Amino acid sequence: MSTPAIADEVAQCEQNFLLVEQRKDRRLSYVCRQLVAPFDGVRMPRQDEFQWAMFKDVSEAGISFLAETRPTTGQLVVAVGAAPFSFLIVEIVRVSELDDLEAFSFHIGCRVLSELNA
Protein backbone atom coordinates (compact mmCIF):
# COMPACT_ATOMS: atom_id res chain seq x y z
CA MET A 1 0.00 0.00 0.00
CA SER A 2 1.40 3.41 -0.96
CA THR A 3 2.08 6.20 1.53
CA PRO A 4 -0.73 8.42 0.15
CA ALA A 5 -3.17 5.49 0.40
CA ILE A 6 -2.15 4.85 4.03
CA ALA A 7 -2.51 8.56 4.81
CA ASP A 8 -5.99 8.57 3.26
CA GLU A 9 -6.97 5.50 5.28
CA VAL A 10 -5.71 7.05 8.53
CA ALA A 11 -7.56 10.29 7.76
CA GLN A 12 -10.77 8.34 7.10
CA CYS A 13 -10.37 6.41 10.39
CA GLU A 14 -9.82 9.66 12.27
CA GLN A 15 -12.89 11.20 10.63
CA ASN A 16 -14.99 8.15 11.54
CA PHE A 17 -13.71 8.37 15.11
CA LEU A 18 -14.70 12.02 15.38
CA LEU A 19 -18.23 11.32 14.16
CA VAL A 20 -19.00 8.56 16.70
CA GLU A 21 -21.85 9.72 18.91
CA GLN A 22 -21.14 9.01 22.57
CA ARG A 23 -24.51 10.01 24.00
CA LYS A 24 -27.54 7.75 24.07
CA ASP A 25 -29.90 10.72 23.73
CA ARG A 26 -30.15 13.13 20.81
CA ARG A 27 -28.19 16.37 21.23
CA LEU A 28 -29.89 19.71 20.82
CA SER A 29 -27.95 22.89 20.14
CA TYR A 30 -27.99 25.18 23.18
CA VAL A 31 -25.50 27.95 22.51
CA CYS A 32 -25.66 30.51 25.30
CA ARG A 33 -23.83 31.69 28.40
CA GLN A 34 -24.80 30.02 31.68
CA LEU A 35 -23.31 29.98 35.16
CA VAL A 36 -21.45 27.01 36.68
CA ALA A 37 -19.85 26.47 40.09
CA PRO A 38 -17.93 23.68 41.84
CA PHE A 39 -20.10 21.42 44.00
CA ASP A 40 -18.81 19.55 47.06
CA GLY A 41 -21.90 17.35 47.30
CA VAL A 42 -23.27 19.17 50.34
CA ARG A 43 -23.34 22.97 50.21
CA MET A 44 -24.95 25.11 47.53
CA PRO A 45 -22.18 27.30 46.05
CA ARG A 46 -22.15 31.00 46.94
CA GLN A 47 -22.97 33.51 44.23
CA ASP A 48 -19.32 34.56 43.92
CA GLU A 49 -18.29 30.94 43.17
CA PHE A 50 -20.23 30.85 39.90
CA GLN A 51 -18.40 31.55 36.63
CA TRP A 52 -19.68 32.07 33.10
CA ALA A 53 -19.44 29.20 30.65
CA MET A 54 -20.46 28.96 26.99
CA PHE A 55 -22.90 26.11 26.58
CA LYS A 56 -22.80 24.14 23.32
CA ASP A 57 -25.51 21.51 23.50
CA VAL A 58 -27.86 19.56 25.74
CA SER A 59 -29.51 16.18 25.71
CA GLU A 60 -32.02 14.55 28.03
CA ALA A 61 -29.16 13.14 30.10
CA GLY A 62 -26.34 15.64 29.74
CA ILE A 63 -24.80 18.95 28.76
CA SER A 64 -21.57 20.20 27.27
CA PHE A 65 -19.98 23.60 27.52
CA LEU A 66 -16.77 25.56 27.06
CA ALA A 67 -15.01 26.97 30.13
CA GLU A 68 -12.01 29.19 30.79
CA THR A 69 -10.60 26.92 33.52
CA ARG A 70 -10.45 23.19 34.25
CA PRO A 71 -13.06 22.15 36.86
CA THR A 72 -11.66 21.54 40.36
CA THR A 73 -14.38 19.10 41.48
CA GLY A 74 -16.09 16.07 39.99
CA GLN A 75 -19.51 17.68 40.25
CA LEU A 76 -20.86 21.11 39.38
CA VAL A 77 -23.97 23.16 40.02
CA VAL A 78 -25.28 24.66 36.80
CA ALA A 79 -27.68 27.62 36.74
CA VAL A 80 -29.81 27.19 33.62
CA GLY A 81 -32.33 29.44 31.95
CA ALA A 82 -33.01 33.05 32.79
CA ALA A 83 -33.31 34.37 36.35
CA PRO A 84 -34.78 33.01 38.49
CA PHE A 85 -32.53 30.11 37.50
CA SER A 86 -33.16 26.41 37.70
CA PHE A 87 -30.20 24.59 39.23
CA LEU A 88 -28.84 21.22 38.13
CA ILE A 89 -26.26 19.00 39.77
CA VAL A 90 -24.05 17.48 37.08
CA GLU A 91 -21.19 15.00 37.11
CA ILE A 92 -18.22 15.69 34.87
CA VAL A 93 -17.62 12.77 32.52
CA ARG A 94 -15.14 14.33 30.10
CA VAL A 95 -12.72 17.27 30.00
CA SER A 96 -10.85 18.11 26.79
CA GLU A 97 -8.24 20.84 26.54
CA LEU A 98 -8.64 23.11 23.52
CA ASP A 99 -5.85 24.91 21.70
CA ASP A 100 -7.89 26.78 19.11
CA LEU A 101 -10.05 29.11 21.24
CA GLU A 102 -8.64 32.10 23.09
CA ALA A 103 -11.41 32.70 25.62
CA PHE A 104 -12.32 29.10 26.43
CA SER A 105 -9.61 26.51 27.02
CA PHE A 106 -11.69 23.49 28.05
CA HIS A 107 -14.61 21.51 26.62
CA ILE A 108 -16.56 19.92 29.49
CA GLY A 109 -19.04 17.07 29.09
CA CYS A 110 -21.41 16.33 31.97
CA ARG A 111 -24.16 13.91 32.95
CA VAL A 112 -27.17 15.44 34.72
CA LEU A 113 -27.60 13.84 38.15
CA SER A 114 -30.52 15.83 39.57
CA GLU A 115 -32.32 19.13 39.79
CA LEU A 116 -31.93 21.16 42.97
CA ASN A 117 -35.23 22.09 44.53
CA ALA A 118 -35.42 25.40 46.38
C-alpha atoms as a PDB file:
ATOM      1  CA  MET A   1       0.000   0.000   0.000  1.00  0.00           C
ATOM      2  CA  SER A   2       1.404   3.410  -0.956  1.00  0.00           C
ATOM      3  CA  THR A   3       2.080   6.197   1.534  1.00  0.00           C
ATOM      4  CA  PRO A   4      -0.729   8.417   0.154  1.00  0.00           C
ATOM      5  CA  ALA A   5      -3.174   5.489   0.404  1.00  0.00           C
ATOM      6  CA  ILE A   6      -2.152   4.855   4.030  1.00  0.00           C
ATOM      7  CA  ALA A   7      -2.513   8.560   4.809  1.00  0.00           C
ATOM      8  CA  ASP A   8      -5.988   8.568   3.259  1.00  0.00           C
ATOM      9  CA  GLU A   9      -6.975   5.500   5.280  1.00  0.00           C
ATOM     10  CA  VAL A  10      -5.707   7.052   8.528  1.00  0.00           C
ATOM     11  CA  ALA A  11      -7.564  10.293   7.762  1.00  0.00           C
ATOM     12  CA  GLN A  12     -10.772   8.337   7.104  1.00  0.00           C
ATOM     13  CA  CYS A  13     -10.374   6.407  10.385  1.00  0.00           C
ATOM     14  CA  GLU A  14      -9.818   9.660  12.266  1.00  0.00           C
ATOM     15  CA  GLN A  15     -12.894  11.199  10.632  1.00  0.00           C
ATOM     16  CA  ASN A  16     -14.987   8.148  11.535  1.00  0.00           C
ATOM     17  CA  PHE A  17     -13.715   8.368  15.114  1.00  0.00           C
ATOM     18  CA  LEU A  18     -14.704  12.022  15.375  1.00  0.00           C
ATOM     19  CA  LEU A  19     -18.230  11.317  14.164  1.00  0.00           C
ATOM     20  CA  VAL A  20     -18.999   8.558  16.698  1.00  0.00           C
ATOM     21  CA  GLU A  21     -21.850   9.721  18.911  1.00  0.00           C
ATOM     22  CA  GLN A  22     -21.141   9.012  22.569  1.00  0.00           C
ATOM     23  CA  ARG A  23     -24.509  10.012  24.001  1.00  0.00           C
ATOM     24  CA  LYS A  24     -27.538   7.749  24.075  1.00  0.00           C
ATOM     25  CA  ASP A  25     -29.903  10.716  23.732  1.00  0.00           C
ATOM     26  CA  ARG A  26     -30.147  13.129  20.812  1.00  0.00           C
ATOM     27  CA  ARG A  27     -28.193  16.373  21.232  1.00  0.00           C
ATOM     28  CA  LEU A  28     -29.887  19.713  20.823  1.00  0.00           C
ATOM     29  CA  SER A  29     -27.952  22.887  20.137  1.00  0.00           C
ATOM     30  CA  TYR A  30     -27.992  25.176  23.185  1.00  0.00           C
ATOM     31  CA  VAL A  31     -25.505  27.955  22.508  1.00  0.00           C
ATOM     32  CA  CYS A  32     -25.660  30.505  25.303  1.00  0.00           C
ATOM     33  CA  ARG A  33     -23.828  31.687  28.399  1.00  0.00           C
ATOM     34  CA  GLN A  34     -24.799  30.020  31.681  1.00  0.00           C
ATOM     35  CA  LEU A  35     -23.313  29.979  35.161  1.00  0.00           C
ATOM     36  CA  VAL A  36     -21.448  27.014  36.679  1.00  0.00           C
ATOM     37  CA  ALA A  37     -19.845  26.470  40.093  1.00  0.00           C
ATOM     38  CA  PRO A  38     -17.932  23.680  41.836  1.00  0.00           C
ATOM     39  CA  PHE A  39     -20.102  21.417  44.000  1.00  0.00           C
ATOM     40  CA  ASP A  40     -18.814  19.554  47.056  1.00  0.00           C
ATOM     41  CA  GLY A  41     -21.896  17.354  47.302  1.00  0.00           C
ATOM     42  CA  VAL A  42     -23.273  19.172  50.338  1.00  0.00           C
ATOM     43  CA  ARG A  43     -23.343  22.966  50.213  1.00  0.00           C
ATOM     44  CA  MET A  44     -24.946  25.112  47.532  1.00  0.00           C
ATOM     45  CA  PRO A  45     -22.180  27.299  46.051  1.00  0.00           C
ATOM     46  CA  ARG A  46     -22.145  30.995  46.943  1.00  0.00           C
ATOM     47  CA  GLN A  47     -22.968  33.510  44.229  1.00  0.00           C
ATOM     48  CA  ASP A  48     -19.318  34.561  43.915  1.00  0.00           C
ATOM     49  CA  GLU A  49     -18.288  30.944  43.174  1.00  0.00           C
ATOM     50  CA  PHE A  50     -20.229  30.848  39.895  1.00  0.00           C
ATOM     51  CA  GLN A  51     -18.403  31.554  36.629  1.00  0.00           C
ATOM     52  CA  TRP A  52     -19.680  32.070  33.101  1.00  0.00           C
ATOM     53  CA  ALA A  53     -19.436  29.197  30.653  1.00  0.00           C
ATOM     54  CA  MET A  54     -20.462  28.963  26.989  1.00  0.00           C
ATOM     55  CA  PHE A  55     -22.905  26.106  26.580  1.00  0.00           C
ATOM     56  CA  LYS A  56     -22.803  24.145  23.321  1.00  0.00           C
ATOM     57  CA  ASP A  57     -25.512  21.511  23.502  1.00  0.00           C
ATOM     58  CA  VAL A  58     -27.857  19.565  25.743  1.00  0.00           C
ATOM     59  CA  SER A  59     -29.512  16.182  25.711  1.00  0.00           C
ATOM     60  CA  GLU A  60     -32.021  14.553  28.025  1.00  0.00           C
ATOM     61  CA  ALA A  61     -29.165  13.139  30.101  1.00  0.00           C
ATOM     62  CA  GLY A  62     -26.336  15.642  29.737  1.00  0.00           C
ATOM     63  CA  ILE A  63     -24.796  18.948  28.761  1.00  0.00           C
ATOM     64  CA  SER A  64     -21.567  20.199  27.270  1.00  0.00           C
ATOM     65  CA  PHE A  65     -19.981  23.600  27.519  1.00  0.00           C
ATOM     66  CA  LEU A  66     -16.770  25.562  27.062  1.00  0.00           C
ATOM     67  CA  ALA A  67     -15.011  26.971  30.128  1.00  0.00           C
ATOM     68  CA  GLU A  68     -12.007  29.186  30.790  1.00  0.00           C
ATOM     69  CA  THR A  69     -10.597  26.924  33.515  1.00  0.00           C
ATOM     70  CA  ARG A  70     -10.449  23.189  34.255  1.00  0.00           C
ATOM     71  CA  PRO A  71     -13.057  22.152  36.861  1.00  0.00           C
ATOM     72  CA  THR A  72     -11.660  21.539  40.357  1.00  0.00           C
ATOM     73  CA  THR A  73     -14.377  19.104  41.478  1.00  0.00           C
ATOM     74  CA  GLY A  74     -16.086  16.072  39.990  1.00  0.00           C
ATOM     75  CA  GLN A  75     -19.506  17.675  40.246  1.00  0.00           C
ATOM     76  CA  LEU A  76     -20.858  21.111  39.384  1.00  0.00           C
ATOM     77  CA  VAL A  77     -23.969  23.156  40.019  1.00  0.00           C
ATOM     78  CA  VAL A  78     -25.283  24.658  36.800  1.00  0.00           C
ATOM     79  CA  ALA A  79     -27.679  27.624  36.741  1.00  0.00           C
ATOM     80  CA  VAL A  80     -29.806  27.193  33.624  1.00  0.00           C
ATOM     81  CA  GLY A  81     -32.329  29.439  31.948  1.00  0.00           C
ATOM     82  CA  ALA A  82     -33.008  33.048  32.792  1.00  0.00           C
ATOM     83  CA  ALA A  83     -33.309  34.365  36.352  1.00  0.00           C
ATOM     84  CA  PRO A  84     -34.780  33.014  38.492  1.00  0.00           C
ATOM     85  CA  PHE A  85     -32.526  30.113  37.502  1.00  0.00           C
ATOM     86  CA  SER A  86     -33.155  26.406  37.703  1.00  0.00           C
ATOM     87  CA  PHE A  87     -30.202  24.589  39.228  1.00  0.00           C
ATOM     88  CA  LEU A  88     -28.843  21.222  38.134  1.00  0.00           C
ATOM     89  CA  ILE A  89     -26.261  19.002  39.767  1.00  0.00           C
ATOM     90  CA  VAL A  90     -24.047  17.478  37.084  1.00  0.00           C
ATOM     91  CA  GLU A  91     -21.195  15.000  37.109  1.00  0.00           C
ATOM     92  CA  ILE A  92     -18.221  15.690  34.871  1.00  0.00           C
ATOM     93  CA  VAL A  93     -17.619  12.766  32.525  1.00  0.00           C
ATOM     94  CA  ARG A  94     -15.141  14.334  30.098  1.00  0.00           C
ATOM     95  CA  VAL A  95     -12.720  17.268  30.003  1.00  0.00           C
ATOM     96  CA  SER A  96     -10.852  18.107  26.795  1.00  0.00           C
ATOM     97  CA  GLU A  97      -8.242  20.835  26.537  1.00  0.00           C
ATOM     98  CA  LEU A  98      -8.644  23.112  23.518  1.00  0.00           C
ATOM     99  CA  ASP A  99      -5.850  24.912  21.701  1.00  0.00           C
ATOM    100  CA  ASP A 100      -7.894  26.784  19.109  1.00  0.00           C
ATOM    101  CA  LEU A 101     -10.052  29.107  21.241  1.00  0.00           C
ATOM    102  CA  GLU A 102      -8.645  32.097  23.087  1.00  0.00           C
ATOM    103  CA  ALA A 103     -11.410  32.704  25.621  1.00  0.00           C
ATOM    104  CA  PHE A 104     -12.320  29.100  26.426  1.00  0.00           C
ATOM    105  CA  SER A 105      -9.608  26.511  27.016  1.00  0.00           C
ATOM    106  CA  PHE A 106     -11.688  23.487  28.053  1.00  0.00           C
ATOM    107  CA  HIS A 107     -14.612  21.514  26.615  1.00  0.00           C
ATOM    108  CA  ILE A 108     -16.563  19.922  29.491  1.00  0.00           C
ATOM    109  CA  GLY A 109     -19.044  17.072  29.086  1.00  0.00           C
ATOM    110  CA  CYS A 110     -21.415  16.328  31.967  1.00  0.00           C
ATOM    111  CA  ARG A 111     -24.161  13.913  32.947  1.00  0.00           C
ATOM    112  CA  VAL A 112     -27.170  15.437  34.724  1.00  0.00           C
ATOM    113  CA  LEU A 113     -27.603  13.843  38.151  1.00  0.00           C
ATOM    114  CA  SER A 114     -30.525  15.826  39.571  1.00  0.00           C
ATOM    115  CA  GLU A 115     -32.320  19.129  39.792  1.00  0.00           C
ATOM    116  CA  LEU A 116     -31.933  21.159  42.972  1.00  0.00           C
ATOM    117  CA  ASN A 117     -35.233  22.094  44.532  1.00  0.00           C
ATOM    118  CA  ALA A 118     -35.417  25.399  46.384  1.00  0.00           C
END
